[in-house]
Amino acid sequence: MRRAEHLRRPHLRPLINATGVIIHTNLGRSPLSTEVMDYVKTVATQYSTLEYDLDRGARGSRHDHVSRLVQAVTGAESAIVVNNNAAAVLLALSALAREREVVVSRGELVEIGGAFRIPEVMALSGAYLHEVGATNKTHWRDYETAITERTGLLLKVHQSNFRMIGFTDAVTTEELVRLGRAKGVPIMEDLGSGVMFPFQLDGVDEPSVAMVVATGIDVVTFSGDKLLGGPQAGIIAGGREWITAMKSHPLARAVRVDKMTLAALEVVLRAYLEGNQRTLPLWQMVGETQEALHERASAVAAILHRNLPDTVTIAVTRDVSEVGGGSMPGSQLPTATVSLSSRDWTAAAWERSLRQAAMPVVCRLHRDQLIFDLRTIFPSQESQLIDTILEGYRSMTESQDGPA
């Protein structure tokens, strides 16, 4: 009976992200707007043109809906969408370089979350890894020397989730494109996060997908749920010849996306096309100023101060947030936080009660303090946040365990 009751309770639940990590991998990455979800609901609860061409009155392709928008936003000749960026890389390597060598810099053999590594994806695709250069330095001549009749692809991997500084050097995308053209070898770049406009944070530049496409690169892959601010998806943009080869590959059906993902992506991409990307929750959070966040934090702290005993210390402090999701590593956004500490209870006990609440709250723990970063808390969630904090304190007080 107890197990049956457990199974009847929702397992995938909404929560309040008070960590300050905007693209939080464990908490669902980029949140979607109500406009996006309204359209998803409309498409999901009715029949749709998923694979039907209204003009011809015949079977159509699910790839066409979003690929045209990707082309318009990025300038690419063609595009295809799959279920995540790892699948995008796997499909591209399988379709373009199976049983051929793929030349990659040793400084770009990255590992993403879940111990998913580029060399392992390469092996799964049937392509052969050809490492060049050193960990910290790879030169143009390293690629040139590696190219033989066995070479199927030159691959550049964006260092999305780490940053290499010091005595380093790398070959640019433009240089690789020139080399590939001269040698007759296609070039691909895994951009990882894939921002749609030039973006700089904390002195670090993130190139837009359109900028990379403009170099003349053959294929570029990127995520839909990171700096794009959309649903989980892997987007492949590039030359028509190469995208057509991927669309006809058997793996394409295994990694294809459903109608709800396509509907969500369509709304997100149209926002970029129309210059309305600031309507996406991701960019609203990134763009909120420290002053505005400090004002919100002060209002939350004032309510908590009126409702918690003097044994609780409440402070509003200036701190930093992170973009997260392996994007812009090391870069920080100035933010404002509310910190709580109690003489009666440990922060760990209070934090546990927040995670187990009806509306769970996930925050930061630092030196026996609870830290709530307002950047990742929607204004509409502030009342619920306050109620959960107060209820958590009351439940601990009323429990039989006694104070810590």
Protein backbone atom coordinates (compact mmCIF):
# COMPACT_ATOMS: atom_id res chain seq x y z
CA MET A 1 0.00 0.00 0.00
CA ARG A 2 2.77 2.40 0.94
CA ARG A 3 4.52 1.71 -2.38
CA ALA A 4 1.29 2.26 -4.33
CA GLU A 5 0.79 5.63 -2.64
CA HIS A 6 4.36 6.57 -3.50
CA LEU A 7 3.81 5.74 -7.17
CA ARG A 8 0.62 7.81 -7.28
CA ARG A 9 2.50 10.95 -6.25
CA PRO A 10 4.07 13.02 -9.05
CA HIS A 11 7.79 12.41 -9.39
CA LEU A 12 8.65 15.09 -11.94
CA ARG A 13 7.62 18.18 -9.99
CA PRO A 14 7.96 21.94 -10.39
CA LEU A 15 10.14 23.72 -7.85
CA ILE A 16 11.65 27.10 -7.02
CA ASN A 17 15.25 27.47 -8.16
CA ALA A 18 16.94 29.78 -5.67
CA THR A 19 20.49 28.68 -6.54
CA GLY A 20 21.26 31.53 -8.94
CA VAL A 21 22.32 29.04 -11.64
CA ILE A 22 20.15 30.01 -14.61
CA ILE A 23 20.65 27.01 -16.91
CA HIS A 24 20.64 24.45 -14.12
CA THR A 25 21.21 21.00 -15.63
CA ASN A 26 19.67 19.16 -12.67
CA LEU A 27 16.65 21.47 -12.47
CA GLY A 28 15.50 21.34 -16.08
CA ARG A 29 17.86 23.84 -17.73
CA SER A 30 16.20 26.83 -19.45
CA PRO A 31 12.58 27.46 -18.36
CA LEU A 32 10.06 28.07 -21.11
CA SER A 33 7.69 31.02 -21.35
CA THR A 34 3.91 30.79 -21.05
CA GLU A 35 3.68 31.84 -24.72
CA VAL A 36 5.75 28.82 -25.69
CA MET A 37 3.73 26.44 -23.56
CA ASP A 38 0.40 27.85 -24.76
CA TYR A 39 1.40 26.99 -28.32
CA VAL A 40 2.69 23.56 -27.27
CA LYS A 41 -0.65 22.86 -25.59
CA THR A 42 -2.54 23.92 -28.70
CA VAL A 43 -0.50 21.64 -30.94
CA ALA A 44 -0.43 18.71 -28.48
CA THR A 45 -4.16 18.65 -27.75
CA GLN A 46 -5.23 18.75 -31.41
CA TYR A 47 -4.19 17.19 -34.69
CA SER A 48 -1.46 19.09 -36.50
CA THR A 49 0.56 19.41 -39.70
CA LEU A 50 3.44 17.44 -38.17
CA GLU A 51 4.05 15.43 -41.35
CA TYR A 52 1.40 16.90 -43.66
CA ASP A 53 1.83 19.51 -46.38
CA LEU A 54 -1.34 21.64 -46.61
CA ASP A 55 -0.34 23.17 -49.97
CA ARG A 56 0.16 19.81 -51.68
CA GLY A 57 -2.40 17.89 -49.68
CA ALA A 58 0.15 15.13 -49.20
CA ARG A 59 2.71 13.76 -46.75
CA GLY A 60 5.24 16.34 -45.61
CA SER A 61 8.38 16.32 -43.48
CA ARG A 62 8.56 17.11 -39.78
CA HIS A 63 12.00 18.60 -40.43
CA ASP A 64 10.57 21.46 -42.51
CA HIS A 65 8.73 23.29 -39.71
CA VAL A 66 11.74 24.37 -37.69
CA SER A 67 14.51 24.02 -40.28
CA ARG A 68 13.20 27.02 -42.22
CA LEU A 69 13.31 29.14 -39.09
CA VAL A 70 16.83 27.95 -38.24
CA GLN A 71 17.90 28.89 -41.76
CA ALA A 72 16.35 32.35 -41.41
CA VAL A 73 17.96 33.02 -38.01
CA THR A 74 21.41 31.58 -38.73
CA GLY A 75 21.85 32.07 -42.47
CA ALA A 76 22.49 28.36 -43.02
CA GLU A 77 21.39 26.60 -46.20
CA SER A 78 19.57 23.84 -44.33
CA ALA A 79 18.96 22.40 -40.88
CA ILE A 80 17.67 19.41 -38.94
CA VAL A 81 16.57 19.06 -35.31
CA VAL A 82 17.21 16.00 -33.13
CA ASN A 83 16.62 15.25 -29.45
CA ASN A 84 19.81 16.79 -27.98
CA ASN A 85 23.23 18.08 -28.99
CA ALA A 86 24.97 14.78 -28.21
CA ALA A 87 22.61 13.12 -30.69
CA ALA A 88 23.34 15.91 -33.18
CA VAL A 89 27.09 15.23 -32.97
CA LEU A 90 26.53 11.47 -33.18
CA LEU A 91 24.28 11.78 -36.24
CA ALA A 92 26.66 14.15 -38.03
CA LEU A 93 29.70 11.94 -37.41
CA SER A 94 27.78 8.80 -38.42
CA ALA A 95 26.46 10.31 -41.64
CA LEU A 96 29.59 12.18 -42.74
CA ALA A 97 32.60 10.31 -41.40
CA ARG A 98 31.80 6.68 -40.69
CA GLU A 99 34.94 4.54 -41.21
CA ARG A 100 36.89 7.73 -41.90
CA GLU A 101 39.25 9.74 -39.71
CA VAL A 102 38.04 12.84 -37.86
CA VAL A 103 40.78 15.30 -36.95
CA VAL A 104 40.31 16.97 -33.53
CA SER A 105 42.59 19.06 -31.31
CA ARG A 106 43.62 17.38 -28.07
CA GLY A 107 42.57 20.55 -26.26
CA GLU A 108 38.98 20.02 -27.48
CA LEU A 109 38.36 16.40 -26.46
CA VAL A 110 35.82 17.54 -23.92
CA GLU A 111 33.67 15.66 -21.46
CA ILE A 112 30.18 16.94 -20.78
CA GLY A 113 27.82 16.01 -17.93
CA GLY A 114 27.31 12.35 -17.17
CA ALA A 115 30.85 11.39 -18.33
CA PHE A 116 29.82 11.75 -21.98
CA ARG A 117 33.03 12.26 -23.92
CA ILE A 118 33.79 13.26 -27.51
CA PRO A 119 36.09 10.24 -28.10
CA GLU A 120 33.31 7.88 -27.00
CA VAL A 121 30.74 9.55 -29.25
CA MET A 122 33.26 9.27 -32.06
CA ALA A 123 33.73 5.55 -31.47
CA LEU A 124 29.98 4.97 -31.37
CA SER A 125 29.57 6.74 -34.72
CA GLY A 126 32.05 4.45 -36.44
CA ALA A 127 34.48 7.29 -37.18
CA TYR A 128 38.15 7.12 -36.18
CA LEU A 129 39.59 9.75 -33.89
CA HIS A 130 42.78 11.45 -35.06
CA GLU A 131 44.13 13.65 -32.27
CA VAL A 132 46.42 16.56 -33.14
CA GLY A 133 48.37 19.18 -31.21
CA ALA A 134 48.93 19.35 -27.48
CA THR A 135 46.43 19.89 -24.67
CA ASN A 136 47.19 23.60 -24.47
CA LYS A 137 48.39 24.39 -28.00
CA THR A 138 47.26 23.26 -31.43
CA HIS A 139 48.57 24.90 -34.61
CA TRP A 140 47.36 25.11 -38.20
CA ARG A 141 50.23 22.86 -39.33
CA ASP A 142 49.01 20.12 -36.97
CA TYR A 143 45.74 19.86 -38.89
CA GLU A 144 47.43 20.18 -42.27
CA THR A 145 49.89 17.35 -41.53
CA ALA A 146 47.07 15.09 -40.27
CA ILE A 147 44.99 15.29 -43.44
CA THR A 148 45.30 12.21 -45.66
CA GLU A 149 43.08 10.29 -48.08
CA ARG A 150 41.52 8.67 -44.98
CA THR A 151 40.34 11.99 -43.52
CA GLY A 152 36.57 12.41 -43.53
CA LEU A 153 36.09 15.52 -41.37
CA LEU A 154 37.83 18.31 -39.50
CA LEU A 155 36.04 18.79 -36.17
CA LYS A 156 36.25 21.81 -33.88
CA VAL A 157 34.65 21.51 -30.42
CA HIS A 158 33.76 24.65 -28.50
CA GLN A 159 35.09 24.58 -24.94
CA SER A 160 31.64 25.29 -23.53
CA ASN A 161 32.05 23.85 -20.05
CA PHE A 162 35.62 24.87 -19.22
CA ARG A 163 38.09 27.63 -19.98
CA MET A 164 41.78 27.20 -20.78
CA ILE A 165 44.07 30.12 -19.92
CA GLY A 166 47.80 30.77 -19.88
CA PHE A 167 50.23 29.40 -22.49
CA THR A 168 47.58 28.39 -25.05
CA ASP A 169 46.85 28.60 -28.75
CA ALA A 170 44.12 27.26 -31.01
CA VAL A 171 43.19 27.32 -34.68
CA THR A 172 40.19 29.52 -35.43
CA THR A 173 37.09 28.35 -37.27
CA GLU A 174 37.98 30.65 -40.19
CA GLU A 175 41.43 29.07 -40.47
CA LEU A 176 39.99 25.55 -40.40
CA VAL A 177 37.48 26.46 -43.11
CA ARG A 178 40.25 27.74 -45.38
CA LEU A 179 42.29 24.58 -44.79
CA GLY A 180 39.30 22.32 -45.38
CA ARG A 181 38.43 24.09 -48.62
CA ALA A 182 42.01 23.78 -49.84
CA LYS A 183 42.12 20.07 -49.01
CA GLY A 184 38.57 19.16 -50.00
CA VAL A 185 37.60 18.06 -46.48
CA PRO A 186 34.33 19.14 -44.76
CA ILE A 187 34.52 21.11 -41.50
CA MET A 188 32.18 20.79 -38.53
CA GLU A 189 31.99 22.68 -35.25
CA ASP A 190 30.18 21.56 -32.12
CA LEU A 191 29.20 24.88 -30.55
CA GLY A 192 27.58 23.36 -27.49
CA SER A 193 25.42 26.14 -26.08
CA GLY A 194 24.68 27.97 -29.32
CA VAL A 195 23.75 31.59 -28.63
CA MET A 196 21.84 33.39 -31.37
CA PHE A 197 23.45 36.82 -31.04
CA PRO A 198 26.97 37.97 -30.09
CA PHE A 199 27.09 37.73 -26.31
CA GLN A 200 29.74 38.89 -23.87
CA LEU A 201 29.77 38.24 -20.14
CA ASP A 202 32.50 39.06 -17.66
CA GLY A 203 34.90 39.80 -20.51
CA VAL A 204 34.28 36.48 -22.29
CA ASP A 205 32.88 36.48 -25.82
CA GLU A 206 30.44 33.83 -27.02
CA PRO A 207 30.15 33.74 -30.83
CA SER A 208 26.68 33.54 -32.32
CA VAL A 209 25.65 30.61 -34.51
CA ALA A 210 25.20 33.04 -37.42
CA MET A 211 28.81 34.24 -37.01
CA VAL A 212 30.06 30.66 -37.21
CA VAL A 213 27.85 29.86 -40.21
CA ALA A 214 29.17 33.01 -41.95
CA THR A 215 32.70 31.56 -41.88
CA GLY A 216 31.56 29.11 -44.55
CA ILE A 217 31.67 26.10 -42.23
CA ASP A 218 29.90 23.00 -43.54
CA VAL A 219 28.13 21.87 -40.35
CA VAL A 220 27.51 23.38 -36.92
CA THR A 221 25.68 21.74 -34.00
CA PHE A 222 24.27 23.31 -30.82
CA SER A 223 21.74 22.80 -28.02
CA GLY A 224 18.19 24.06 -27.90
CA ASP A 225 17.90 24.23 -24.11
CA LYS A 226 21.01 26.20 -23.15
CA LEU A 227 21.77 29.69 -24.47
CA LEU A 228 19.02 29.38 -27.05
CA GLY A 229 16.54 29.28 -24.17
CA GLY A 230 14.27 26.64 -25.67
CA PRO A 231 13.35 22.97 -25.10
CA GLN A 232 15.84 20.11 -25.06
CA ALA A 233 16.97 19.61 -28.63
CA GLY A 234 20.05 19.32 -30.80
CA ILE A 235 20.11 21.59 -33.82
CA ILE A 236 22.30 20.91 -36.86
CA ALA A 237 22.71 23.74 -39.38
CA GLY A 238 24.87 23.84 -42.48
CA GLY A 239 25.21 23.08 -46.14
CA ARG A 240 22.28 21.43 -47.90
CA GLU A 241 24.43 18.52 -49.12
CA TRP A 242 25.49 17.56 -45.62
CA ILE A 243 22.10 18.07 -43.96
CA THR A 244 20.41 15.98 -46.65
CA ALA A 245 22.84 13.16 -45.93
CA MET A 246 21.88 13.31 -42.25
CA LYS A 247 18.14 13.43 -42.91
CA SER A 248 18.38 10.21 -44.95
CA HIS A 249 20.58 8.40 -42.42
CA PRO A 250 18.83 5.58 -40.46
CA LEU A 251 19.90 7.12 -37.16
CA ALA A 252 17.88 10.27 -37.92
CA ARG A 253 14.62 8.50 -37.14
CA ALA A 254 15.95 7.14 -33.85
CA VAL A 255 16.89 10.62 -32.59
CA ARG A 256 14.06 12.67 -34.07
CA VAL A 257 11.95 15.02 -31.93
CA ASP A 258 8.21 14.99 -31.34
CA LYS A 259 5.53 17.57 -32.14
CA MET A 260 5.74 19.26 -28.72
CA THR A 261 9.46 19.94 -29.03
CA LEU A 262 8.99 21.25 -32.56
CA ALA A 263 6.16 23.52 -31.43
CA ALA A 264 8.23 24.94 -28.57
CA LEU A 265 11.25 25.50 -30.79
CA GLU A 266 9.13 27.27 -33.38
CA VAL A 267 7.95 29.89 -30.89
CA VAL A 268 11.47 30.38 -29.49
CA LEU A 269 13.07 30.76 -32.92
CA ARG A 270 10.37 33.20 -34.05
CA ALA A 271 11.20 35.34 -31.02
CA TYR A 272 14.77 35.65 -32.30
CA LEU A 273 13.64 36.23 -35.86
CA GLU A 274 11.38 39.08 -34.74
CA GLY A 275 13.93 40.54 -32.32
CA ASN A 276 11.87 39.58 -29.26
CA GLN A 277 14.40 37.28 -27.57
CA ARG A 278 14.15 39.34 -24.38
CA THR A 279 10.69 37.81 -23.89
CA LEU A 280 12.38 34.45 -23.20
CA PRO A 281 12.82 33.70 -19.47
CA LEU A 282 16.51 32.91 -19.96
CA TRP A 283 17.34 36.38 -21.25
CA GLN A 284 15.04 38.09 -18.76
CA MET A 285 17.06 36.48 -15.97
CA VAL A 286 20.41 37.26 -17.57
CA GLY A 287 19.39 40.86 -18.18
CA GLU A 288 18.00 41.71 -14.73
CA THR A 289 20.22 44.30 -13.03
CA GLN A 290 21.75 43.90 -9.60
CA GLU A 291 19.86 47.01 -8.44
CA ALA A 292 16.50 45.51 -9.43
CA LEU A 293 17.40 42.22 -7.78
CA HIS A 294 18.51 44.03 -4.61
CA GLU A 295 15.13 45.77 -4.42
CA ARG A 296 13.30 42.45 -4.76
CA ALA A 297 15.57 40.77 -2.21
CA SER A 298 15.01 43.59 0.28
CA ALA A 299 11.22 43.23 -0.04
CA VAL A 300 11.41 39.46 0.58
CA ALA A 301 13.76 39.97 3.55
CA ALA A 302 11.42 42.56 5.11
CA ILE A 303 8.49 40.11 5.11
CA LEU A 304 10.63 37.33 6.55
CA HIS A 305 11.92 39.67 9.26
CA ARG A 306 8.36 40.43 10.38
CA ASN A 307 7.43 36.76 10.55
CA LEU A 308 10.50 35.00 11.93
CA PRO A 309 11.84 35.18 15.51
CA ASP A 310 14.87 37.17 16.57
CA THR A 311 16.89 33.97 16.70
CA VAL A 312 16.96 34.05 12.88
CA THR A 313 19.48 36.37 11.24
CA ILE A 314 18.34 37.78 7.90
CA ALA A 315 20.60 39.69 5.53
CA VAL A 316 20.48 41.03 1.98
CA THR A 317 23.87 40.77 0.31
CA ARG A 318 25.45 41.38 -3.06
CA ASP A 319 26.67 38.16 -4.63
CA VAL A 320 27.15 36.53 -8.04
CA SER A 321 25.03 34.21 -10.20
CA GLU A 322 26.13 31.79 -12.91
CA VAL A 323 24.77 31.13 -16.39
CA GLY A 324 25.27 27.38 -15.86
CA GLY A 325 24.60 24.42 -18.13
CA GLY A 326 28.23 24.37 -19.23
CA SER A 327 27.83 27.84 -20.75
CA MET A 328 30.21 30.75 -20.13
CA PRO A 329 32.33 28.85 -17.53
CA GLY A 330 33.88 31.08 -14.90
CA SER A 331 31.75 34.08 -15.88
CA GLN A 332 29.63 35.68 -13.18
CA LEU A 333 26.56 37.92 -13.04
CA PRO A 334 26.29 40.43 -10.16
CA THR A 335 23.17 39.55 -8.14
CA ALA A 336 21.44 40.06 -4.79
CA THR A 337 20.62 37.33 -2.31
CA VAL A 338 18.71 36.82 0.92
CA SER A 339 20.65 34.84 3.54
CA LEU A 340 19.14 33.14 6.60
CA SER A 341 20.78 31.56 9.63
CA SER A 342 19.25 30.39 12.89
CA ARG A 343 20.58 29.88 16.41
CA ASP A 344 17.97 27.14 16.89
CA TRP A 345 18.40 25.06 13.77
CA THR A 346 21.23 24.10 11.46
CA ALA A 347 21.02 25.42 7.92
CA ALA A 348 21.23 21.83 6.67
CA ALA A 349 18.06 20.86 8.59
CA TRP A 350 16.18 23.91 7.32
CA GLU A 351 17.39 23.34 3.76
CA ARG A 352 16.16 19.74 3.92
CA SER A 353 12.71 20.89 5.01
CA LEU A 354 12.58 23.27 2.02
CA ARG A 355 13.42 20.47 -0.41
CA GLN A 356 10.64 18.33 1.08
CA ALA A 357 7.95 21.02 0.95
CA ALA A 358 4.82 20.87 -1.20
CA MET A 359 6.52 23.38 -3.50
CA PRO A 360 10.19 22.41 -3.10
CA VAL A 361 12.80 25.15 -2.86
CA VAL A 362 16.41 24.45 -3.85
CA CYS A 363 18.90 27.02 -2.57
CA ARG A 364 22.59 27.35 -1.71
CA LEU A 365 24.22 26.38 1.58
CA HIS A 366 27.23 28.41 2.71
CA ARG A 367 28.82 28.50 6.18
CA ASP A 368 25.62 27.36 7.90
CA GLN A 369 23.56 29.90 5.98
CA LEU A 370 20.73 29.44 3.51
CA ILE A 371 21.32 31.61 0.43
CA PHE A 372 18.41 32.52 -1.87
CA ASP A 373 19.44 34.13 -5.16
CA LEU A 374 16.62 36.27 -6.56
CA ARG A 375 17.92 36.06 -10.13
CA THR A 376 16.47 32.58 -10.71
CA ILE A 377 13.30 33.13 -8.69
CA PHE A 378 10.41 34.41 -10.79
CA PRO A 379 8.62 37.42 -9.25
CA SER A 380 5.43 35.34 -9.33
CA GLN A 381 7.15 32.78 -7.05
CA GLU A 382 8.17 35.19 -4.29
CA SER A 383 5.02 34.71 -2.19
CA GLN A 384 5.33 30.94 -2.47
CA LEU A 385 9.01 31.16 -1.52
CA ILE A 386 8.20 33.15 1.61
CA ASP A 387 5.39 30.77 2.60
CA THR A 388 7.66 27.74 2.14
CA ILE A 389 10.46 29.27 4.22
CA LEU A 390 8.06 30.15 7.04
CA GLU A 391 6.32 26.79 6.90
CA GLY A 392 9.67 25.01 6.98
CA TYR A 393 10.67 26.87 10.12
CA ARG A 394 7.31 26.20 11.79
CA SER A 395 7.43 22.48 10.97
CA MET A 396 10.87 22.16 12.52
CA THR A 397 9.74 24.00 15.62
CA GLU A 398 6.70 21.76 16.02
CA SER A 399 8.61 18.51 15.39
CA GLN A 400 9.58 16.20 18.22
CA ASP A 401 13.26 16.21 17.27
CA GLY A 402 13.96 19.42 19.18
CA PRO A 403 16.43 22.09 18.21
CA ALA A 404 19.82 21.28 16.71
